[in-house]
């Protein structure tokens, strides 16, 4: 809200919306300063009389003001001082606040450390997060942090274990549609076909979505399962602009789409012994040269076991048995060569 108002205020000063935005900012800043001054005075009085509970409450409210104003370092300092005063055995609420502050401040390593400290205490024996807003908030934050750090499969597993009915209660950090988007894209990149098939039949994670959104995610999974790769990437590109505006996806989107693309190439090759380069290029809406470059990269990283037969315009797909036979054949040839070399040397000595 504050960022939007600042954006409007930077427009033409004669613009009515910009004027109202500027007035709103000025009013909020005045209110914040007055409230902060009042709390500081209360804090000084409480400190003089050693009223620890009053001091802790003042620090908590100062932290809330600083957080709302985007002053995350101050907010973290106030919360830390509140924790030092209270010295409670169960400081989970304060740890969560520190996690929230560091998360929004972009200090993701600290946020991850705080949420990883809390998460084990909030998981049932079944592996599911407890059906509470607190547990759901911690699980969602940790899942999003794993996603941003590239631990996609681990992130999806966490997000799938959230209680769907609780997600609407943490709308200040995410929404049901956001969570479903992370799950769907992460699953496309890392899940096996069996896992994707199971996910596509499960309504638990998508129950709070609109009918249209639920259909969109089901369609994406169905396109991959049915090997309709051109249509799949057209659909993904349709939503790419939205994905780039997402605070979790924007930094990992290219890697995520690359992973999906690679698993589609591998899936296509897995069911054939020979593949026409022209036909496969058409299936992925690529030129033959682009496809050859991509297959070469996959061969170099040992993601696929194929030979490129440029003369015939074919890809020869080799199973693990074929490779073992090739290795054994090469080893046999090497042993024969060594034996023949030794025999030759013996005749020369």
C-alpha atoms as a PDB file:
ATOM      1  CA  UNK A   1       0.000   0.000   0.000  1.00  0.00           C
ATOM      2  CA  UNK A   2       2.761   2.385   0.987  1.00  0.00           C
ATOM      3  CA  UNK A   3       4.811   1.470  -2.109  1.00  0.00           C
ATOM      4  CA  UNK A   4       1.817   2.012  -4.389  1.00  0.00           C
ATOM      5  CA  UNK A   5       1.153   5.410  -2.839  1.00  0.00           C
ATOM      6  CA  UNK A   6       4.816   6.403  -3.243  1.00  0.00           C
ATOM      7  CA  UNK A   7       4.636   5.401  -6.888  1.00  0.00           C
ATOM      8  CA  UNK A   8       1.570   7.545  -7.487  1.00  0.00           C
ATOM      9  CA  UNK A   9       3.086  10.466  -5.606  1.00  0.00           C
ATOM     10  CA  UNK A  10       6.051  10.485  -7.971  1.00  0.00           C
ATOM     11  CA  UNK A  11       3.767  11.174 -10.938  1.00  0.00           C
ATOM     12  CA  UNK A  12       2.630  14.563 -12.245  1.00  0.00           C
ATOM     13  CA  UNK A  13       2.025  16.764  -9.136  1.00  0.00           C
ATOM     14  CA  UNK A  14      -1.154  18.084 -10.749  1.00  0.00           C
ATOM     15  CA  UNK A  15      -2.551  14.587 -10.998  1.00  0.00           C
ATOM     16  CA  UNK A  16      -5.443  14.178  -8.525  1.00  0.00           C
ATOM     17  CA  UNK A  17      -4.492  10.629  -7.584  1.00  0.00           C
ATOM     18  CA  UNK A  18      -0.901  11.718  -6.967  1.00  0.00           C
ATOM     19  CA  UNK A  19      -2.065  14.540  -4.671  1.00  0.00           C
ATOM     20  CA  UNK A  20      -4.270  12.204  -2.647  1.00  0.00           C
ATOM     21  CA  UNK A  21      -1.426   9.684  -2.445  1.00  0.00           C
ATOM     22  CA  UNK A  22       0.953  12.371  -1.187  1.00  0.00           C
ATOM     23  CA  UNK A  23      -1.544  13.510   1.430  1.00  0.00           C
ATOM     24  CA  UNK A  24      -2.104   9.922   2.551  1.00  0.00           C
ATOM     25  CA  UNK A  25       1.643   9.339   2.931  1.00  0.00           C
ATOM     26  CA  UNK A  26       2.094  12.560   4.912  1.00  0.00           C
ATOM     27  CA  UNK A  27      -0.813  11.685   7.215  1.00  0.00           C
ATOM     28  CA  UNK A  28       0.478   8.164   7.869  1.00  0.00           C
ATOM     29  CA  UNK A  29       3.988   9.448   8.544  1.00  0.00           C
ATOM     30  CA  UNK A  30       2.643  12.008  11.055  1.00  0.00           C
ATOM     31  CA  UNK A  31       0.561   9.352  12.798  1.00  0.00           C
ATOM     32  CA  UNK A  32       3.524   6.971  12.924  1.00  0.00           C
ATOM     33  CA  UNK A  33       5.863   9.612  14.372  1.00  0.00           C
ATOM     34  CA  UNK A  34       3.333  10.630  17.029  1.00  0.00           C
ATOM     35  CA  UNK A  35       2.660   7.020  17.985  1.00  0.00           C
ATOM     36  CA  UNK A  36       6.394   6.281  18.090  1.00  0.00           C
ATOM     37  CA  UNK A  37       7.021   9.329  20.303  1.00  0.00           C
ATOM     38  CA  UNK A  38       4.231   8.297  22.670  1.00  0.00           C
ATOM     39  CA  UNK A  39       5.545   4.724  22.924  1.00  0.00           C
ATOM     40  CA  UNK A  40       9.104   5.929  23.543  1.00  0.00           C
ATOM     41  CA  UNK A  41       7.841   8.092  26.421  1.00  0.00           C
ATOM     42  CA  UNK A  42       5.925   5.111  27.848  1.00  0.00           C
ATOM     43  CA  UNK A  43       9.031   2.988  27.493  1.00  0.00           C
ATOM     44  CA  UNK A  44      11.169   5.507  29.389  1.00  0.00           C
ATOM     45  CA  UNK A  45       8.618   5.663  32.227  1.00  0.00           C
ATOM     46  CA  UNK A  46       8.360   1.884  32.429  1.00  0.00           C
ATOM     47  CA  UNK A  47      12.148   1.568  32.369  1.00  0.00           C
ATOM     48  CA  UNK A  48      12.510   4.014  35.276  1.00  0.00           C
ATOM     49  CA  UNK A  49      10.030   1.995  37.351  1.00  0.00           C
ATOM     50  CA  UNK A  50      11.246  -1.426  36.126  1.00  0.00           C
ATOM     51  CA  UNK A  51       7.865  -2.391  34.676  1.00  0.00           C
ATOM     52  CA  UNK A  52       9.165  -5.198  32.461  1.00  0.00           C
ATOM     53  CA  UNK A  53       5.786  -6.207  31.013  1.00  0.00           C
ATOM     54  CA  UNK A  54       5.059  -2.603  30.003  1.00  0.00           C
ATOM     55  CA  UNK A  55       8.514  -2.275  28.441  1.00  0.00           C
ATOM     56  CA  UNK A  56       8.051  -5.502  26.471  1.00  0.00           C
ATOM     57  CA  UNK A  57       4.671  -4.315  25.188  1.00  0.00           C
ATOM     58  CA  UNK A  58       6.152  -0.965  24.097  1.00  0.00           C
ATOM     59  CA  UNK A  59       8.957  -2.709  22.214  1.00  0.00           C
ATOM     60  CA  UNK A  60       6.412  -4.985  20.534  1.00  0.00           C
ATOM     61  CA  UNK A  61       4.316  -2.008  19.363  1.00  0.00           C
ATOM     62  CA  UNK A  62       7.409  -0.086  18.239  1.00  0.00           C
ATOM     63  CA  UNK A  63       8.409  -3.135  16.197  1.00  0.00           C
ATOM     64  CA  UNK A  64       4.960  -3.253  14.579  1.00  0.00           C
ATOM     65  CA  UNK A  65       5.212   0.435  13.636  1.00  0.00           C
ATOM     66  CA  UNK A  66       8.714   0.009  12.227  1.00  0.00           C
ATOM     67  CA  UNK A  67       7.657  -3.105  10.291  1.00  0.00           C
ATOM     68  CA  UNK A  68       4.646  -1.304   8.768  1.00  0.00           C
ATOM     69  CA  UNK A  69       6.927   1.572   7.744  1.00  0.00           C
ATOM     70  CA  UNK A  70       9.393  -0.809   6.103  1.00  0.00           C
ATOM     71  CA  UNK A  71      12.085  -0.038   8.705  1.00  0.00           C
ATOM     72  CA  UNK A  72      13.043  -3.692   9.119  1.00  0.00           C
ATOM     73  CA  UNK A  73      16.346  -3.200  10.948  1.00  0.00           C
ATOM     74  CA  UNK A  74      14.600  -1.126  13.634  1.00  0.00           C
ATOM     75  CA  UNK A  75      11.783  -3.659  13.831  1.00  0.00           C
ATOM     76  CA  UNK A  76      14.260  -6.500  14.356  1.00  0.00           C
ATOM     77  CA  UNK A  77      16.068  -4.507  17.046  1.00  0.00           C
ATOM     78  CA  UNK A  78      12.825  -3.797  18.943  1.00  0.00           C
ATOM     79  CA  UNK A  79      11.719  -7.451  18.798  1.00  0.00           C
ATOM     80  CA  UNK A  80      15.120  -8.627  20.019  1.00  0.00           C
ATOM     81  CA  UNK A  81      14.890  -6.233  22.966  1.00  0.00           C
ATOM     82  CA  UNK A  82      11.390  -7.531  23.736  1.00  0.00           C
ATOM     83  CA  UNK A  83      12.754 -11.089  23.776  1.00  0.00           C
ATOM     84  CA  UNK A  84      15.648 -10.085  26.072  1.00  0.00           C
ATOM     85  CA  UNK A  85      13.174  -8.567  28.562  1.00  0.00           C
ATOM     86  CA  UNK A  86      10.681 -11.431  28.595  1.00  0.00           C
ATOM     87  CA  UNK A  87      13.237 -14.296  28.665  1.00  0.00           C
ATOM     88  CA  UNK A  88      10.393 -16.784  28.045  1.00  0.00           C
ATOM     89  CA  UNK A  89      11.022 -20.501  27.709  1.00  0.00           C
ATOM     90  CA  UNK A  90       8.652 -20.621  24.725  1.00  0.00           C
ATOM     91  CA  UNK A  91       9.681 -17.747  22.477  1.00  0.00           C
ATOM     92  CA  UNK A  92       8.136 -19.187  19.297  1.00  0.00           C
ATOM     93  CA  UNK A  93       5.914 -16.135  18.695  1.00  0.00           C
ATOM     94  CA  UNK A  94       8.924 -13.814  18.865  1.00  0.00           C
ATOM     95  CA  UNK A  95      10.986 -16.111  16.628  1.00  0.00           C
ATOM     96  CA  UNK A  96       8.153 -16.026  14.084  1.00  0.00           C
ATOM     97  CA  UNK A  97       8.139 -12.218  14.162  1.00  0.00           C
ATOM     98  CA  UNK A  98      11.907 -12.201  13.582  1.00  0.00           C
ATOM     99  CA  UNK A  99      11.381 -14.631  10.691  1.00  0.00           C
ATOM    100  CA  UNK A 100       8.736 -12.344   9.179  1.00  0.00           C
ATOM    101  CA  UNK A 101      10.924  -9.242   9.536  1.00  0.00           C
ATOM    102  CA  UNK A 102      14.009 -10.841   7.986  1.00  0.00           C
ATOM    103  CA  UNK A 103      11.899 -12.427   5.228  1.00  0.00           C
ATOM    104  CA  UNK A 104      10.429  -9.104   4.112  1.00  0.00           C
ATOM    105  CA  UNK A 105      13.794  -7.392   4.565  1.00  0.00           C
ATOM    106  CA  UNK A 106      15.275  -9.805   2.012  1.00  0.00           C
ATOM    107  CA  UNK A 107      17.589 -11.426   4.564  1.00  0.00           C
ATOM    108  CA  UNK A 108      16.573 -14.890   3.466  1.00  0.00           C
ATOM    109  CA  UNK A 109      19.339 -16.861   5.190  1.00  0.00           C
ATOM    110  CA  UNK A 110      18.266 -15.495   8.580  1.00  0.00           C
ATOM    111  CA  UNK A 111      14.579 -16.014   7.783  1.00  0.00           C
ATOM    112  CA  UNK A 112      15.282 -19.615   6.816  1.00  0.00           C
ATOM    113  CA  UNK A 113      17.209 -20.210  10.050  1.00  0.00           C
ATOM    114  CA  UNK A 114      14.310 -18.871  12.143  1.00  0.00           C
ATOM    115  CA  UNK A 115      11.629 -20.899  10.310  1.00  0.00           C
ATOM    116  CA  UNK A 116      13.719 -24.082  10.335  1.00  0.00           C
ATOM    117  CA  UNK A 117      14.003 -23.688  14.120  1.00  0.00           C
ATOM    118  CA  UNK A 118      10.208 -23.539  14.453  1.00  0.00           C
ATOM    119  CA  UNK A 119       9.065 -26.059  11.821  1.00  0.00           C
ATOM    120  CA  UNK A 120       9.901 -29.379  13.582  1.00  0.00           C
ATOM    121  CA  UNK A 121       7.636 -28.494  16.523  1.00  0.00           C
ATOM    122  CA  UNK A 122       4.692 -27.769  14.225  1.00  0.00           C
ATOM    123  CA  UNK A 123       4.544 -31.012  12.232  1.00  0.00           C
ATOM    124  CA  UNK A 124       2.258 -33.926  13.122  1.00  0.00           C
ATOM    125  CA  UNK A 125       3.443 -37.558  13.102  1.00  0.00           C
ATOM    126  CA  UNK A 126       1.795 -37.890   9.687  1.00  0.00           C
ATOM    127  CA  UNK A 127       4.203 -35.284   8.277  1.00  0.00           C
ATOM    128  CA  UNK A 128       1.420 -32.716   7.862  1.00  0.00           C
ATOM    129  CA  UNK A 129       1.649 -29.273   9.431  1.00  0.00           C
ATOM    130  CA  UNK A 130      -0.744 -28.679  12.313  1.00  0.00           C
ATOM    131  CA  UNK A 131      -4.028 -27.134  11.284  1.00  0.00           C
ATOM    132  CA  UNK A 132      -3.339 -23.712  12.802  1.00  0.00           C
ATOM    133  CA  UNK A 133      -2.534 -20.305  11.259  1.00  0.00           C
ATOM    134  CA  UNK A 134       0.802 -20.267  13.144  1.00  0.00           C
ATOM    135  CA  UNK A 135       1.976 -23.618  11.745  1.00  0.00           C
ATOM    136  CA  UNK A 136       0.678 -22.764   8.272  1.00  0.00           C
ATOM    137  CA  UNK A 137       2.519 -19.433   8.280  1.00  0.00           C
ATOM    138  CA  UNK A 138       5.809 -21.092   9.261  1.00  0.00           C
ATOM    139  CA  UNK A 139       5.389 -23.918   6.719  1.00  0.00           C
ATOM    140  CA  UNK A 140       4.452 -21.529   3.907  1.00  0.00           C
ATOM    141  CA  UNK A 141       7.393 -19.221   4.625  1.00  0.00           C
ATOM    142  CA  UNK A 142       9.854 -22.110   4.775  1.00  0.00           C
ATOM    143  CA  UNK A 143       8.469 -23.610   1.568  1.00  0.00           C
ATOM    144  CA  UNK A 144       8.777 -20.278  -0.252  1.00  0.00           C
ATOM    145  CA  UNK A 145      12.333 -19.813   1.038  1.00  0.00           C
ATOM    146  CA  UNK A 146      13.321 -23.286  -0.186  1.00  0.00           C
ATOM    147  CA  UNK A 147      11.735 -22.427  -3.538  1.00  0.00           C
ATOM    148  CA  UNK A 148      13.754 -19.207  -3.829  1.00  0.00           C
ATOM    149  CA  UNK A 149      16.950 -21.084  -2.949  1.00  0.00           C
ATOM    150  CA  UNK A 150      16.341 -23.628  -5.717  1.00  0.00           C
ATOM    151  CA  UNK A 151      15.344 -26.572  -3.492  1.00  0.00           C
ATOM    152  CA  UNK A 152      12.229 -27.076  -5.597  1.00  0.00           C
ATOM    153  CA  UNK A 153      11.187 -30.618  -4.724  1.00  0.00           C
ATOM    154  CA  UNK A 154      11.721 -30.011  -1.009  1.00  0.00           C
ATOM    155  CA  UNK A 155       9.669 -26.810  -1.251  1.00  0.00           C
ATOM    156  CA  UNK A 156       6.774 -28.556  -2.996  1.00  0.00           C
ATOM    157  CA  UNK A 157       6.757 -31.342  -0.393  1.00  0.00           C
ATOM    158  CA  UNK A 158       6.469 -28.745   2.386  1.00  0.00           C
ATOM    159  CA  UNK A 159       3.712 -26.777   0.655  1.00  0.00           C
ATOM    160  CA  UNK A 160       1.709 -29.938  -0.011  1.00  0.00           C
ATOM    161  CA  UNK A 161       1.722 -30.631   3.732  1.00  0.00           C
ATOM    162  CA  UNK A 162       0.038 -27.331   4.644  1.00  0.00           C
ATOM    163  CA  UNK A 163      -3.577 -27.325   5.834  1.00  0.00           C
ATOM    164  CA  UNK A 164      -5.527 -25.810   2.868  1.00  0.00           C
ATOM    165  CA  UNK A 165      -8.240 -24.428   5.173  1.00  0.00           C
ATOM    166  CA  UNK A 166      -5.650 -22.275   6.985  1.00  0.00           C
ATOM    167  CA  UNK A 167      -3.995 -20.642   3.971  1.00  0.00           C
ATOM    168  CA  UNK A 168      -6.646 -17.938   3.664  1.00  0.00           C
ATOM    169  CA  UNK A 169      -5.704 -16.855   7.215  1.00  0.00           C
ATOM    170  CA  UNK A 170      -2.143 -15.918   6.164  1.00  0.00           C
ATOM    171  CA  UNK A 171      -3.077 -13.661   3.257  1.00  0.00           C
ATOM    172  CA  UNK A 172      -0.522 -11.067   4.388  1.00  0.00           C
ATOM    173  CA  UNK A 173       2.282 -13.299   3.070  1.00  0.00           C
ATOM    174  CA  UNK A 174       0.684 -15.492   0.388  1.00  0.00           C
ATOM    175  CA  UNK A 175      -2.575 -16.770  -1.114  1.00  0.00           C
ATOM    176  CA  UNK A 176      -4.050 -20.131  -2.049  1.00  0.00           C
ATOM    177  CA  UNK A 177      -3.483 -19.373  -5.734  1.00  0.00           C
ATOM    178  CA  UNK A 178       0.177 -18.497  -5.126  1.00  0.00           C
ATOM    179  CA  UNK A 179       0.742 -21.724  -3.186  1.00  0.00           C
ATOM    180  CA  UNK A 180      -0.991 -23.751  -5.913  1.00  0.00           C
ATOM    181  CA  UNK A 181       1.187 -22.055  -8.561  1.00  0.00           C
ATOM    182  CA  UNK A 182       4.390 -22.967  -6.709  1.00  0.00           C
ATOM    183  CA  UNK A 183       3.203 -26.557  -6.289  1.00  0.00           C
ATOM    184  CA  UNK A 184       2.142 -26.961  -9.926  1.00  0.00           C
ATOM    185  CA  UNK A 185       5.329 -25.474 -11.440  1.00  0.00           C
ATOM    186  CA  UNK A 186       7.588 -27.224  -8.934  1.00  0.00           C
ATOM    187  CA  UNK A 187       5.869 -30.554  -9.569  1.00  0.00           C
ATOM    188  CA  UNK A 188       6.185 -30.134 -13.358  1.00  0.00           C
ATOM    189  CA  UNK A 189       9.928 -29.640 -12.879  1.00  0.00           C
ATOM    190  CA  UNK A 190      10.689 -32.375 -10.329  1.00  0.00           C
ATOM    191  CA  UNK A 191       7.876 -34.933  -9.911  1.00  0.00           C
ATOM    192  CA  UNK A 192       7.787 -38.317 -11.611  1.00  0.00           C
ATOM    193  CA  UNK A 193       4.903 -39.143 -13.952  1.00  0.00           C
ATOM    194  CA  UNK A 194       3.281 -41.280 -11.236  1.00  0.00           C
ATOM    195  CA  UNK A 195       3.517 -38.430  -8.728  1.00  0.00           C
ATOM    196  CA  UNK A 196       2.106 -35.942 -11.245  1.00  0.00           C
ATOM    197  CA  UNK A 197      -0.762 -38.280 -12.059  1.00  0.00           C
ATOM    198  CA  UNK A 198      -1.596 -38.602  -8.348  1.00  0.00           C
ATOM    199  CA  UNK A 199      -1.376 -34.830  -7.865  1.00  0.00           C
ATOM    200  CA  UNK A 200      -3.681 -34.153 -10.797  1.00  0.00           C
ATOM    201  CA  UNK A 201      -6.367 -36.333  -9.165  1.00  0.00           C
ATOM    202  CA  UNK A 202      -5.989 -34.741  -5.720  1.00  0.00           C
ATOM    203  CA  UNK A 203      -8.252 -31.792  -4.895  1.00  0.00           C
ATOM    204  CA  UNK A 204      -6.897 -31.156  -1.398  1.00  0.00           C
ATOM    205  CA  UNK A 205      -4.367 -28.472  -2.342  1.00  0.00           C
ATOM    206  CA  UNK A 206      -6.531 -26.800  -4.973  1.00  0.00           C
ATOM    207  CA  UNK A 207      -9.823 -26.839  -3.081  1.00  0.00           C
ATOM    208  CA  UNK A 208      -9.811 -23.092  -2.340  1.00  0.00           C
ATOM    209  CA  UNK A 209      -9.090 -22.053  -5.936  1.00  0.00           C
ATOM    210  CA  UNK A 210     -11.586 -20.703  -8.425  1.00  0.00           C
ATOM    211  CA  UNK A 211     -12.847 -23.195 -10.988  1.00  0.00           C
ATOM    212  CA  UNK A 212     -10.836 -21.450 -13.729  1.00  0.00           C
ATOM    213  CA  UNK A 213      -7.575 -21.497 -11.752  1.00  0.00           C
ATOM    214  CA  UNK A 214      -8.072 -25.156 -10.821  1.00  0.00           C
ATOM    215  CA  UNK A 215      -8.649 -26.004 -14.491  1.00  0.00           C
ATOM    216  CA  UNK A 216      -5.504 -24.100 -15.552  1.00  0.00           C
ATOM    217  CA  UNK A 217      -3.296 -26.139 -13.220  1.00  0.00           C
ATOM    218  CA  UNK A 218      -4.949 -29.418 -14.206  1.00  0.00           C
ATOM    219  CA  UNK A 219      -4.421 -28.552 -17.876  1.00  0.00           C
ATOM    220  CA  UNK A 220      -0.699 -27.885 -17.390  1.00  0.00           C
ATOM    221  CA  UNK A 221      -0.162 -31.256 -15.692  1.00  0.00           C
ATOM    222  CA  UNK A 222      -2.282 -33.061 -18.311  1.00  0.00           C
ATOM    223  CA  UNK A 223      -0.305 -31.528 -21.187  1.00  0.00           C
ATOM    224  CA  UNK A 224       2.970 -32.847 -19.749  1.00  0.00           C
ATOM    225  CA  UNK A 225       1.549 -36.287 -18.971  1.00  0.00           C
ATOM    226  CA  UNK A 226       0.190 -36.520 -22.524  1.00  0.00           C
ATOM    227  CA  UNK A 227       3.499 -35.292 -24.036  1.00  0.00           C
ATOM    228  CA  UNK A 228       1.887 -32.227 -25.660  1.00  0.00           C
ATOM    229  CA  UNK A 229       5.001 -30.169 -25.138  1.00  0.00           C
ATOM    230  CA  UNK A 230       4.414 -27.363 -27.653  1.00  0.00           C
ATOM    231  CA  UNK A 231       1.045 -26.576 -26.054  1.00  0.00           C
ATOM    232  CA  UNK A 232       2.547 -26.874 -22.568  1.00  0.00           C
ATOM    233  CA  UNK A 233       5.203 -24.231 -23.220  1.00  0.00           C
ATOM    234  CA  UNK A 234       2.703 -21.960 -24.966  1.00  0.00           C
ATOM    235  CA  UNK A 235       0.580 -22.090 -21.811  1.00  0.00           C
ATOM    236  CA  UNK A 236       3.583 -21.436 -19.553  1.00  0.00           C
ATOM    237  CA  UNK A 237       4.629 -18.482 -21.708  1.00  0.00           C
ATOM    238  CA  UNK A 238       1.099 -17.066 -21.445  1.00  0.00           C
ATOM    239  CA  UNK A 239       1.531 -16.765 -17.687  1.00  0.00           C
ATOM    240  CA  UNK A 240       5.239 -15.832 -17.746  1.00  0.00           C
ATOM    241  CA  UNK A 241       4.614 -12.115 -17.167  1.00  0.00           C
ATOM    242  CA  UNK A 242       2.525 -12.907 -14.080  1.00  0.00           C
ATOM    243  CA  UNK A 243       5.183 -15.304 -12.808  1.00  0.00           C
ATOM    244  CA  UNK A 244       7.915 -12.665 -13.186  1.00  0.00           C
ATOM    245  CA  UNK A 245       5.915 -10.312 -10.941  1.00  0.00           C
ATOM    246  CA  UNK A 246       5.746 -12.937  -8.195  1.00  0.00           C
ATOM    247  CA  UNK A 247       8.217 -12.275  -5.330  1.00  0.00           C
ATOM    248  CA  UNK A 248       9.044 -15.970  -5.009  1.00  0.00           C
ATOM    249  CA  UNK A 249       9.185 -16.962  -8.685  1.00  0.00           C
ATOM    250  CA  UNK A 250      10.931 -14.005 -10.314  1.00  0.00           C
ATOM    251  CA  UNK A 251      14.442 -15.025  -9.216  1.00  0.00           C
ATOM    252  CA  UNK A 252      14.071 -18.746 -10.023  1.00  0.00           C
ATOM    253  CA  UNK A 253      11.721 -18.708 -13.026  1.00  0.00           C
ATOM    254  CA  UNK A 254      14.364 -19.202 -15.728  1.00  0.00           C
ATOM    255  CA  UNK A 255      15.879 -22.156 -13.861  1.00  0.00           C
ATOM    256  CA  UNK A 256      12.419 -23.585 -13.202  1.00  0.00           C
ATOM    257  CA  UNK A 257      11.339 -23.381 -16.857  1.00  0.00           C
ATOM    258  CA  UNK A 258      14.683 -24.873 -17.910  1.00  0.00           C
ATOM    259  CA  UNK A 259      14.123 -27.816 -15.569  1.00  0.00           C
ATOM    260  CA  UNK A 260      10.642 -28.370 -17.009  1.00  0.00           C
ATOM    261  CA  UNK A 261      12.032 -28.157 -20.555  1.00  0.00           C
ATOM    262  CA  UNK A 262      14.807 -30.677 -19.799  1.00  0.00           C
ATOM    263  CA  UNK A 263      12.457 -33.189 -18.174  1.00  0.00           C
ATOM    264  CA  UNK A 264      10.173 -32.920 -21.242  1.00  0.00           C
ATOM    265  CA  UNK A 265      13.106 -33.644 -23.579  1.00  0.00           C
ATOM    266  CA  UNK A 266      14.131 -36.622 -21.434  1.00  0.00           C
ATOM    267  CA  UNK A 267      10.531 -37.873 -21.281  1.00  0.00           C
ATOM    268  CA  UNK A 268      10.189 -37.668 -25.079  1.00  0.00           C
ATOM    269  CA  UNK A 269      13.412 -39.621 -25.652  1.00  0.00           C
ATOM    270  CA  UNK A 270      12.660 -42.277 -23.037  1.00  0.00           C
ATOM    271  CA  UNK A 271       9.987 -44.048 -25.107  1.00  0.00           C
ATOM    272  CA  UNK A 272      11.897 -44.387 -28.404  1.00  0.00           C
ATOM    273  CA  UNK A 273      14.893 -46.331 -29.679  1.00  0.00           C
ATOM    274  CA  UNK A 274      15.357 -43.904 -32.587  1.00  0.00           C
ATOM    275  CA  UNK A 275      13.899 -40.427 -33.046  1.00  0.00           C
ATOM    276  CA  UNK A 276      13.730 -38.174 -36.084  1.00  0.00           C
ATOM    277  CA  UNK A 277      15.411 -34.825 -35.349  1.00  0.00           C
ATOM    278  CA  UNK A 278      12.860 -33.069 -37.563  1.00  0.00           C
ATOM    279  CA  UNK A 279       9.848 -34.632 -35.825  1.00  0.00           C
ATOM    280  CA  UNK A 280      11.223 -33.956 -32.338  1.00  0.00           C
ATOM    281  CA  UNK A 281      12.062 -30.358 -33.263  1.00  0.00           C
ATOM    282  CA  UNK A 282       8.469 -29.882 -34.405  1.00  0.00           C
ATOM    283  CA  UNK A 283       7.166 -31.388 -31.159  1.00  0.00           C
ATOM    284  CA  UNK A 284       9.097 -28.741 -29.182  1.00  0.00           C
ATOM    285  CA  UNK A 285       8.609 -25.884 -31.641  1.00  0.00           C
ATOM    286  CA  UNK A 286      12.379 -25.629 -32.230  1.00  0.00           C
ATOM    287  CA  UNK A 287      14.651 -25.569 -35.268  1.00  0.00           C
ATOM    288  CA  UNK A 288      16.727 -28.709 -35.853  1.00  0.00           C
ATOM    289  CA  UNK A 289      19.879 -26.717 -35.010  1.00  0.00           C
ATOM    290  CA  UNK A 290      18.400 -25.515 -31.692  1.00  0.00           C
ATOM    291  CA  UNK A 291      17.356 -29.068 -30.813  1.00  0.00           C
ATOM    292  CA  UNK A 292      20.813 -30.442 -31.627  1.00  0.00           C
ATOM    293  CA  UNK A 293      22.417 -27.833 -29.379  1.00  0.00           C
ATOM    294  CA  UNK A 294      20.083 -28.724 -26.501  1.00  0.00           C
ATOM    295  CA  UNK A 295      20.575 -32.488 -26.928  1.00  0.00           C
ATOM    296  CA  UNK A 296      24.357 -31.959 -27.024  1.00  0.00           C
ATOM    297  CA  UNK A 297      24.165 -30.116 -23.681  1.00  0.00           C
ATOM    298  CA  UNK A 298      22.115 -32.975 -22.198  1.00  0.00           C
ATOM    299  CA  UNK A 299      24.638 -35.536 -23.463  1.00  0.00           C
ATOM    300  CA  UNK A 300      27.511 -33.539 -21.944  1.00  0.00           C
ATOM    301  CA  UNK A 301      25.748 -33.411 -18.555  1.00  0.00           C
ATOM    302  CA  UNK A 302      24.821 -37.122 -18.881  1.00  0.00           C
ATOM    303  CA  UNK A 303      21.118 -36.305 -18.626  1.00  0.00           C
ATOM    304  CA  UNK A 304      20.384 -38.521 -21.654  1.00  0.00           C
ATOM    305  CA  UNK A 305      22.096 -41.468 -23.336  1.00  0.00           C
ATOM    306  CA  UNK A 306      21.721 -40.783 -27.061  1.00  0.00           C
ATOM    307  CA  UNK A 307      23.847 -40.552 -30.185  1.00  0.00           C
ATOM    308  CA  UNK A 308      23.235 -37.816 -32.758  1.00  0.00           C
ATOM    309  CA  UNK A 309      23.312 -39.328 -36.244  1.00  0.00           C
ATOM    310  CA  UNK A 310      23.483 -36.149 -38.342  1.00  0.00           C
ATOM    311  CA  UNK A 311      23.864 -38.090 -41.586  1.00  0.00           C
ATOM    312  CA  UNK A 312      20.467 -39.773 -41.178  1.00  0.00           C
ATOM    313  CA  UNK A 313      18.949 -36.918 -39.157  1.00  0.00           C
ATOM    314  CA  UNK A 314      18.200 -39.256 -36.277  1.00  0.00           C
ATOM    315  CA  UNK A 315      18.767 -39.580 -32.549  1.00  0.00           C
ATOM    316  CA  UNK A 316      19.718 -43.094 -31.450  1.00  0.00           C
ATOM    317  CA  UNK A 317      18.520 -43.658 -27.902  1.00  0.00           C
ATOM    318  CA  UNK A 318      20.655 -46.046 -25.878  1.00  0.00           C
ATOM    319  CA  UNK A 319      19.515 -47.907 -22.812  1.00  0.00           C
ATOM    320  CA  UNK A 320      21.780 -48.469 -19.825  1.00  0.00           C
ATOM    321  CA  UNK A 321      22.325 -52.044 -21.080  1.00  0.00           C
ATOM    322  CA  UNK A 322      23.537 -50.675 -24.417  1.00  0.00           C
ATOM    323  CA  UNK A 323      26.023 -48.434 -22.627  1.00  0.00           C
ATOM    324  CA  UNK A 324      27.222 -51.311 -20.428  1.00  0.00           C
ATOM    325  CA  UNK A 325      27.728 -53.470 -23.515  1.00  0.00           C
ATOM    326  CA  UNK A 326      29.626 -50.637 -25.202  1.00  0.00           C
ATOM    327  CA  UNK A 327      31.859 -50.181 -22.150  1.00  0.00           C
ATOM    328  CA  UNK A 328      32.463 -53.939 -21.884  1.00  0.00           C
ATOM    329  CA  UNK A 329      33.271 -54.097 -25.579  1.00  0.00           C
ATOM    330  CA  UNK A 330      35.748 -51.230 -25.248  1.00  0.00           C
ATOM    331  CA  UNK A 331      37.365 -52.870 -22.206  1.00  0.00           C
ATOM    332  CA  UNK A 332      37.626 -56.180 -24.072  1.00  0.00           C
ATOM    333  CA  UNK A 333      39.270 -54.476 -27.041  1.00  0.00           C
ATOM    334  CA  UNK A 334      41.720 -52.733 -24.714  1.00  0.00           C
ATOM    335  CA  UNK A 335      42.628 -56.026 -22.994  1.00  0.00           C
ATOM    336  CA  UNK A 336      43.196 -57.743 -26.347  1.00  0.00           C
ATOM    337  CA  UNK A 337      45.377 -54.849 -27.506  1.00  0.00           C
ATOM    338  CA  UNK A 338      47.503 -55.067 -24.338  1.00  0.00           C
ATOM    339  CA  UNK A 339      47.894 -58.845 -24.695  1.00  0.00           C
ATOM    340  CA  UNK A 340      48.902 -58.539 -28.346  1.00  0.00           C
ATOM    341  CA  UNK A 341      51.360 -55.726 -27.472  1.00  0.00           C
ATOM    342  CA  UNK A 342      52.984 -57.860 -24.756  1.00  0.00           C
ATOM    343  CA  UNK A 343      53.295 -60.803 -27.163  1.00  0.00           C
ATOM    344  CA  UNK A 344      54.896 -58.544 -29.786  1.00  0.00           C
ATOM    345  CA  UNK A 345      57.364 -57.136 -27.238  1.00  0.00           C
ATOM    346  CA  UNK A 346      58.278 -60.673 -26.126  1.00  0.00           C
ATOM    347  CA  UNK A 347      59.321 -61.583 -29.689  1.00  0.00           C
ATOM    348  CA  UNK A 348      61.457 -58.468 -29.962  1.00  0.00           C
ATOM    349  CA  UNK A 349      63.452 -58.995 -26.735  1.00  0.00           C
END
